[in-house]
């Protein structure tokens, strides 16, 4: 598909706006930068290999307004965008690291488009969850936590109706709402939500400690209905732990077919790290 060269601030913004549901991979280059010239052929190869993504070469000499906004302090810098938001940043000429990030975010099924998630201006945060770092307590051997991340799988409790789910994000996120799909008889009812715990909490801690929020789910909310959270309490979330206290009919086993976390990544730009790039 090739790489599109960007030499105007307004063009960069226009392209992001027009391609909000695509993965956009932008290489920020300087005309005078020899390292940028060295990585150009490899970046071009990536654009042909991952043809459903959009690749940009943004020349900071010609686009001075977006440099501080995007937190570009050195060249080359590679920034990946989804829904007009930064989802990854690699400083320096590490094309291998760029490809790793592309592979992680490339498939359209990994991330729902803004319009698809049901909350304008937000997105499904599934692609920001580090699945290998997630954990569940009291999930059954036949239907453990990894099944929750599969399109046709589900998680089920083991010894009783309680579950603890610990979800870890790649970067800080703002959580706006959740969507749960589960059977109306043994789907979750009372949830206690905890954030930014240093480790997975146990059942005693979850029972006795004050949560960031409690949700009393009704049966009609178990069909993927958007359940809003107290947004002010979930503005900077590294990890989210969900304690399922009970289910709808107090039967022995709780089942969750799908769980979607809706929000947006929090992109932090440290302006103290920014150094003006000479023209």
Protein backbone atom coordinates (compact mmCIF):
# COMPACT_ATOMS: atom_id res chain seq x y z
CA UNK A 1 0.00 0.00 0.00
CA UNK A 2 2.96 2.30 0.49
CA UNK A 3 3.72 5.20 2.79
CA UNK A 4 2.04 8.60 2.54
CA UNK A 5 4.29 11.62 3.14
CA UNK A 6 2.87 14.34 5.41
CA UNK A 7 4.29 17.85 5.15
CA UNK A 8 1.42 19.89 6.64
CA UNK A 9 -0.01 19.86 10.18
CA UNK A 10 -3.56 20.12 8.84
CA UNK A 11 -3.10 17.11 6.54
CA UNK A 12 -1.98 14.91 9.43
CA UNK A 13 -5.11 15.78 11.44
CA UNK A 14 -7.33 15.32 8.41
CA UNK A 15 -5.96 11.84 7.74
CA UNK A 16 -6.40 10.75 11.36
CA UNK A 17 -10.00 11.99 11.30
CA UNK A 18 -10.79 10.20 8.04
CA UNK A 19 -9.23 6.90 9.15
CA UNK A 20 -10.41 6.68 12.74
CA UNK A 21 -11.17 2.94 12.65
CA UNK A 22 -7.90 1.97 10.95
CA UNK A 23 -4.58 1.32 12.58
CA UNK A 24 -2.41 4.30 11.62
CA UNK A 25 1.37 3.94 11.90
CA UNK A 26 3.20 7.27 11.74
CA UNK A 27 6.96 7.64 11.46
CA UNK A 28 8.07 11.09 12.59
CA UNK A 29 11.17 12.05 10.61
CA UNK A 30 13.41 15.07 10.16
CA UNK A 31 14.75 15.96 6.72
CA UNK A 32 18.29 16.27 8.09
CA UNK A 33 18.19 13.02 10.12
CA UNK A 34 20.45 10.29 8.61
CA UNK A 35 18.91 7.57 10.80
CA UNK A 36 15.48 8.42 9.41
CA UNK A 37 16.76 7.83 5.89
CA UNK A 38 18.21 4.48 6.94
CA UNK A 39 14.91 3.13 8.31
CA UNK A 40 12.75 4.37 5.42
CA UNK A 41 13.14 1.18 3.29
CA UNK A 42 12.22 -1.07 6.24
CA UNK A 43 9.23 1.11 7.08
CA UNK A 44 8.14 0.86 3.45
CA UNK A 45 8.34 -2.95 3.67
CA UNK A 46 6.08 -2.91 6.72
CA UNK A 47 3.53 -0.85 4.82
CA UNK A 48 3.38 -3.50 2.09
CA UNK A 49 3.24 -6.36 4.57
CA UNK A 50 0.41 -4.89 6.69
CA UNK A 51 -1.70 -3.44 3.92
CA UNK A 52 -4.84 -2.89 6.01
CA UNK A 53 -3.00 -0.34 8.16
CA UNK A 54 -2.19 3.19 7.04
CA UNK A 55 1.48 4.24 7.11
CA UNK A 56 2.59 7.87 7.27
CA UNK A 57 5.94 9.66 7.11
CA UNK A 58 5.47 12.89 9.05
CA UNK A 59 8.23 15.45 8.54
CA UNK A 60 8.62 17.42 11.75
CA UNK A 61 10.41 20.23 9.93
CA UNK A 62 7.22 20.88 7.95
CA UNK A 63 4.73 20.07 10.74
CA UNK A 64 5.92 22.02 13.80
CA UNK A 65 2.51 22.28 15.48
CA UNK A 66 1.94 18.56 15.99
CA UNK A 67 5.44 17.81 17.33
CA UNK A 68 4.80 18.94 20.95
CA UNK A 69 1.18 17.77 20.86
CA UNK A 70 2.22 14.23 19.93
CA UNK A 71 5.16 14.20 22.34
CA UNK A 72 7.86 13.77 19.69
CA UNK A 73 11.20 14.64 21.30
CA UNK A 74 13.55 12.77 18.97
CA UNK A 75 13.67 11.42 15.43
CA UNK A 76 12.78 8.94 14.31
CA UNK A 77 9.79 8.31 16.55
CA UNK A 78 7.02 5.88 15.58
CA UNK A 79 3.50 6.36 16.96
CA UNK A 80 0.57 4.02 16.39
CA UNK A 81 -2.98 5.38 16.45
CA UNK A 82 -6.42 3.84 16.71
CA UNK A 83 -9.54 5.99 16.81
CA UNK A 84 -7.32 9.09 16.62
CA UNK A 85 -5.66 8.12 19.92
CA UNK A 86 -2.08 7.05 20.56
CA UNK A 87 -1.93 3.35 21.39
CA UNK A 88 1.86 2.84 21.21
CA UNK A 89 5.05 4.86 20.84
CA UNK A 90 8.57 3.70 19.93
CA UNK A 91 11.45 6.18 20.07
CA UNK A 92 14.45 5.48 17.87
CA UNK A 93 15.11 3.33 14.81
CA UNK A 94 13.84 0.04 16.27
CA UNK A 95 11.80 -1.25 13.35
CA UNK A 96 11.52 -4.70 14.98
CA UNK A 97 9.78 -3.12 17.99
CA UNK A 98 7.49 -1.22 15.64
CA UNK A 99 6.45 -4.46 13.93
CA UNK A 100 5.78 -6.15 17.28
CA UNK A 101 3.35 -3.36 18.15
CA UNK A 102 1.73 -3.53 14.72
CA UNK A 103 1.21 -7.28 15.05
CA UNK A 104 -0.39 -6.75 18.45
CA UNK A 105 -2.85 -4.14 17.18
CA UNK A 106 -3.28 -5.06 13.51
CA UNK A 107 -6.30 -7.33 13.42
CA UNK A 108 -9.51 -5.35 13.22
CA UNK A 109 -11.22 -7.85 15.54
CA UNK A 110 -8.91 -6.84 18.40
CA UNK A 111 -10.42 -3.38 18.71
CA UNK A 112 -13.98 -2.24 18.22
CA UNK A 113 -14.51 0.98 16.34
CA UNK A 114 -15.74 4.00 18.27
CA UNK A 115 -19.22 3.72 16.80
CA UNK A 116 -19.36 -0.06 17.42
CA UNK A 117 -18.67 0.12 21.16
CA UNK A 118 -21.89 2.08 21.73
CA UNK A 119 -20.34 5.06 23.52
CA UNK A 120 -19.45 8.03 21.28
CA UNK A 121 -15.84 9.12 21.66
CA UNK A 122 -14.79 5.90 23.41
CA UNK A 123 -13.58 2.46 22.38
CA UNK A 124 -13.50 -1.16 23.42
CA UNK A 125 -10.28 -1.51 25.42
CA UNK A 126 -9.78 -5.22 24.67
CA UNK A 127 -6.53 -4.63 22.78
CA UNK A 128 -5.08 -2.78 25.78
CA UNK A 129 -5.48 -5.77 28.10
CA UNK A 130 -2.29 -7.81 28.63
CA UNK A 131 -3.96 -11.20 28.67
CA UNK A 132 -0.93 -13.12 29.92
CA UNK A 133 -0.83 -10.91 33.02
CA UNK A 134 -4.52 -11.30 33.80
CA UNK A 135 -5.69 -13.65 36.53
CA UNK A 136 -8.87 -15.11 37.97
CA UNK A 137 -9.60 -16.64 41.35
CA UNK A 138 -12.08 -19.52 41.63
CA UNK A 139 -12.47 -20.03 37.88
CA UNK A 140 -13.17 -23.62 36.88
CA UNK A 141 -10.62 -25.80 35.10
CA UNK A 142 -13.06 -26.43 32.23
CA UNK A 143 -13.95 -22.75 31.75
CA UNK A 144 -11.04 -20.61 33.03
CA UNK A 145 -10.36 -16.90 32.46
CA UNK A 146 -8.68 -17.29 29.03
CA UNK A 147 -12.01 -18.56 27.66
CA UNK A 148 -13.48 -15.13 28.39
CA UNK A 149 -11.10 -13.67 25.78
CA UNK A 150 -12.26 -16.14 23.13
CA UNK A 151 -15.19 -15.37 20.86
CA UNK A 152 -16.90 -18.69 21.59
CA UNK A 153 -15.79 -19.24 25.18
CA UNK A 154 -16.97 -18.25 28.65
CA UNK A 155 -15.71 -18.21 32.22
CA UNK A 156 -17.43 -20.12 35.00
CA UNK A 157 -16.88 -20.22 38.76
CA UNK A 158 -15.75 -23.41 40.46
CA UNK A 159 -16.43 -24.05 44.15
CA UNK A 160 -19.14 -21.44 44.68
CA UNK A 161 -20.71 -18.47 42.90
CA UNK A 162 -17.91 -15.97 43.60
CA UNK A 163 -15.18 -14.91 41.17
CA UNK A 164 -12.37 -12.39 41.14
CA UNK A 165 -11.13 -11.14 37.76
CA UNK A 166 -7.89 -9.15 37.56
CA UNK A 167 -7.38 -7.26 34.28
CA UNK A 168 -4.07 -5.54 33.53
CA UNK A 169 -3.71 -2.80 30.90
CA UNK A 170 -0.69 -2.00 28.72
CA UNK A 171 -0.95 1.68 29.61
CA UNK A 172 -3.16 3.81 31.83
CA UNK A 173 -6.76 3.98 30.60
CA UNK A 174 -9.92 5.86 31.45
CA UNK A 175 -12.81 3.48 32.01
CA UNK A 176 -16.25 4.83 31.12
CA UNK A 177 -18.49 1.75 31.29
CA UNK A 178 -18.69 -2.02 31.03
CA UNK A 179 -20.81 -4.43 29.02
CA UNK A 180 -21.60 -7.92 30.31
CA UNK A 181 -23.23 -10.84 28.53
CA UNK A 182 -24.29 -13.76 30.70
CA UNK A 183 -27.28 -16.06 31.34
CA UNK A 184 -30.09 -14.39 33.27
CA UNK A 185 -30.25 -17.16 35.87
CA UNK A 186 -26.57 -17.54 36.82
CA UNK A 187 -25.03 -14.38 35.40
CA UNK A 188 -23.28 -12.02 37.86
CA UNK A 189 -25.36 -9.76 40.09
CA UNK A 190 -23.36 -7.76 42.65
CA UNK A 191 -19.95 -6.57 41.44
CA UNK A 192 -17.30 -4.73 43.44
CA UNK A 193 -14.76 -2.88 41.28
CA UNK A 194 -11.23 -2.15 42.54
CA UNK A 195 -8.49 -0.29 40.67
CA UNK A 196 -4.69 -0.07 40.73
CA UNK A 197 -4.04 -2.84 43.23
CA UNK A 198 -0.42 -3.96 43.65
CA UNK A 199 -1.46 -7.62 43.35
CA UNK A 200 -4.59 -9.68 42.83
CA UNK A 201 -6.76 -9.25 45.90
CA UNK A 202 -8.08 -12.28 47.78
CA UNK A 203 -11.71 -12.93 48.69
CA UNK A 204 -11.39 -11.67 52.28
CA UNK A 205 -9.86 -8.39 51.10
CA UNK A 206 -12.45 -8.00 48.37
CA UNK A 207 -15.28 -8.65 50.83
CA UNK A 208 -14.09 -6.30 53.56
CA UNK A 209 -12.45 -3.42 51.65
CA UNK A 210 -14.15 -0.41 50.14
CA UNK A 211 -14.43 -0.66 46.36
CA UNK A 212 -14.12 2.16 43.86
CA UNK A 213 -17.70 1.29 42.87
CA UNK A 214 -20.33 -1.38 43.41
CA UNK A 215 -22.73 -2.43 40.67
CA UNK A 216 -25.99 -4.29 41.22
CA UNK A 217 -26.65 -5.76 37.79
CA UNK A 218 -30.22 -6.48 36.77
CA UNK A 219 -31.12 -9.41 34.49
CA UNK A 220 -31.86 -7.09 31.56
CA UNK A 221 -28.32 -5.67 31.85
CA UNK A 222 -26.77 -9.07 31.06
CA UNK A 223 -27.40 -8.85 27.31
CA UNK A 224 -24.54 -6.44 26.59
CA UNK A 225 -26.26 -3.29 27.82
CA UNK A 226 -23.89 -0.41 28.61
CA UNK A 227 -23.48 0.00 32.37
CA UNK A 228 -21.94 3.35 33.20
CA UNK A 229 -19.33 3.76 35.91
CA UNK A 230 -18.52 6.77 38.07
CA UNK A 231 -16.11 8.12 35.46
CA UNK A 232 -14.28 10.42 37.88
CA UNK A 233 -13.10 7.36 39.85
CA UNK A 234 -11.75 5.53 36.82
CA UNK A 235 -9.70 8.26 35.09
CA UNK A 236 -6.28 6.63 35.47
CA UNK A 237 -6.51 2.84 35.62
CA UNK A 238 -3.52 0.49 35.39
CA UNK A 239 -5.46 -2.56 36.49
CA UNK A 240 -9.11 -3.31 37.14
CA UNK A 241 -10.21 -6.04 39.52
CA UNK A 242 -13.81 -7.22 39.54
CA UNK A 243 -15.17 -9.17 42.49
CA UNK A 244 -18.32 -11.09 41.56
CA UNK A 245 -20.06 -11.39 44.92
CA UNK A 246 -23.01 -13.48 43.77
CA UNK A 247 -25.20 -14.30 40.81
CA UNK A 248 -28.78 -13.57 39.89
CA UNK A 249 -30.44 -16.61 41.52
CA UNK A 250 -27.78 -17.65 44.09
CA UNK A 251 -27.07 -20.94 42.29
CA UNK A 252 -23.70 -22.65 42.78
CA UNK A 253 -22.06 -21.61 39.51
CA UNK A 254 -21.65 -18.11 38.04
CA UNK A 255 -21.11 -17.76 34.31
CA UNK A 256 -19.91 -14.81 32.21
CA UNK A 257 -20.02 -15.13 28.41
CA UNK A 258 -18.32 -11.84 27.57
CA UNK A 259 -17.02 -8.75 29.33
CA UNK A 260 -16.15 -5.52 27.51
CA UNK A 261 -14.40 -2.58 29.12
CA UNK A 262 -15.28 0.70 27.39
CA UNK A 263 -13.12 3.81 27.69
CA UNK A 264 -10.04 5.34 26.14
CA UNK A 265 -6.28 5.24 26.67
CA UNK A 266 -4.72 8.02 28.68
CA UNK A 267 -1.83 9.47 26.67
CA UNK A 268 0.54 11.35 28.91
CA UNK A 269 2.93 13.80 27.28
CA UNK A 270 5.72 15.01 29.52
CA UNK A 271 6.54 18.44 28.10
CA UNK A 272 9.69 18.55 30.23
CA UNK A 273 11.05 15.78 27.98
CA UNK A 274 10.30 17.74 24.82
CA UNK A 275 13.24 19.31 23.04
CA UNK A 276 12.59 21.50 20.05
CA UNK A 277 13.86 19.83 16.93
CA UNK A 278 16.02 22.19 14.90
CA UNK A 279 15.06 22.90 11.33
